[in-house]
C-alpha atoms as a PDB file:
ATOM      1  CA  MET A   1      -8.249   7.757  16.899  1.00  0.00           C
ATOM      2  CA  VAL A   2      -7.791   4.610  18.988  1.00  0.00           C
ATOM      3  CA  GLY A   3     -10.913   2.499  18.845  1.00  0.00           C
ATOM      4  CA  ARG A   4     -12.137   3.959  15.550  1.00  0.00           C
ATOM      5  CA  THR A   5     -12.295   1.991  12.334  1.00  0.00           C
ATOM      6  CA  LEU A   6     -10.497   3.266   9.265  1.00  0.00           C
ATOM      7  CA  ALA A   7     -13.913   4.074   7.783  1.00  0.00           C
ATOM      8  CA  GLU A   8     -14.531   6.388  10.755  1.00  0.00           C
ATOM      9  CA  THR A   9     -11.173   8.150  10.373  1.00  0.00           C
ATOM     10  CA  THR A  10     -11.153  11.638   8.900  1.00  0.00           C
ATOM     11  CA  LEU A  11      -8.090  12.711   6.926  1.00  0.00           C
ATOM     12  CA  PRO A  12      -7.177  15.985   5.231  1.00  0.00           C
ATOM     13  CA  ALA A  13      -8.589  16.507   1.748  1.00  0.00           C
ATOM     14  CA  GLY A  14      -6.730  14.452  -0.861  1.00  0.00           C
ATOM     15  CA  ALA A  15      -5.130  12.092   1.677  1.00  0.00           C
ATOM     16  CA  VAL A  16      -5.635   8.336   1.587  1.00  0.00           C
ATOM     17  CA  ILE A  17      -4.696   5.616   4.050  1.00  0.00           C
ATOM     18  CA  VAL A  18      -1.890   3.441   2.721  1.00  0.00           C
ATOM     19  CA  THR A  19      -1.601   0.951   5.591  1.00  0.00           C
ATOM     20  CA  VAL A  20      -1.618   0.504   9.333  1.00  0.00           C
ATOM     21  CA  VAL A  21       1.797  -0.285  10.797  1.00  0.00           C
ATOM     22  CA  ARG A  22       1.909  -2.588  13.824  1.00  0.00           C
ATOM     23  CA  ASP A  23       5.183  -3.589  15.489  1.00  0.00           C
ATOM     24  CA  GLY A  24       7.089  -2.007  12.603  1.00  0.00           C
ATOM     25  CA  GLN A  25       5.288  -4.108   9.970  1.00  0.00           C
ATOM     26  CA  PRO A  26       2.642  -2.976   7.455  1.00  0.00           C
ATOM     27  CA  ASN A  27      -0.652  -4.844   7.688  1.00  0.00           C
ATOM     28  CA  ASP A  28      -3.487  -5.618   5.304  1.00  0.00           C
ATOM     29  CA  THR A  29      -6.305  -3.220   6.068  1.00  0.00           C
ATOM     30  CA  THR A  30      -9.984  -2.819   5.278  1.00  0.00           C
ATOM     31  CA  PRO A  31     -12.420  -0.045   6.154  1.00  0.00           C
ATOM     32  CA  LYS A  32     -13.382  -2.190   9.169  1.00  0.00           C
ATOM     33  CA  THR A  33      -9.818  -2.262  10.571  1.00  0.00           C
ATOM     34  CA  ARG A  34     -10.021  -0.882  14.115  1.00  0.00           C
ATOM     35  CA  LEU A  35      -7.106   1.233  15.308  1.00  0.00           C
ATOM     36  CA  GLN A  36      -5.444  -0.005  18.488  1.00  0.00           C
ATOM     37  CA  PRO A  37      -2.821   1.504  20.824  1.00  0.00           C
ATOM     38  CA  GLY A  38       0.575   1.300  19.141  1.00  0.00           C
ATOM     39  CA  HIS A  39      -0.780   1.317  15.592  1.00  0.00           C
ATOM     40  CA  GLU A  40       0.753   3.854  13.240  1.00  0.00           C
ATOM     41  CA  LEU A  41      -1.317   5.149  10.361  1.00  0.00           C
ATOM     42  CA  LEU A  42       0.581   5.633   7.100  1.00  0.00           C
ATOM     43  CA  ALA A  43      -1.196   8.038   4.751  1.00  0.00           C
ATOM     44  CA  ASP A  44      -0.241   9.993   1.636  1.00  0.00           C
ATOM     45  CA  THR A  45      -1.914  11.818  -1.223  1.00  0.00           C
ATOM     46  CA  GLU A  46      -3.288   9.918  -4.204  1.00  0.00           C
ATOM     47  CA  GLN A  47      -0.989  11.925  -6.474  1.00  0.00           C
ATOM     48  CA  GLU A  48       2.125  10.829  -4.558  1.00  0.00           C
ATOM     49  CA  ILE A  49       1.025   7.208  -4.541  1.00  0.00           C
ATOM     50  CA  HIS A  50       0.388   7.222  -8.298  1.00  0.00           C
ATOM     51  CA  ALA A  51       3.710   8.970  -8.933  1.00  0.00           C
ATOM     52  CA  ALA A  52       5.561   6.268  -6.995  1.00  0.00           C
ATOM     53  CA  PHE A  53       4.276   3.616  -9.387  1.00  0.00           C
ATOM     54  CA  GLN A  54       4.992   5.477 -12.644  1.00  0.00           C
END
């Protein structure tokens, strides 16, 4: 996935990207964010994200 933008990233059905973690810190992301070596992609399902904020 290195070198791809988040918009170019395919995830399993129902999964959404929460953030990109760099050096242990979450970062603001946009669909144009390009994944680099060392980035960690944090993803979850929409249902789990909504449940966390209920």
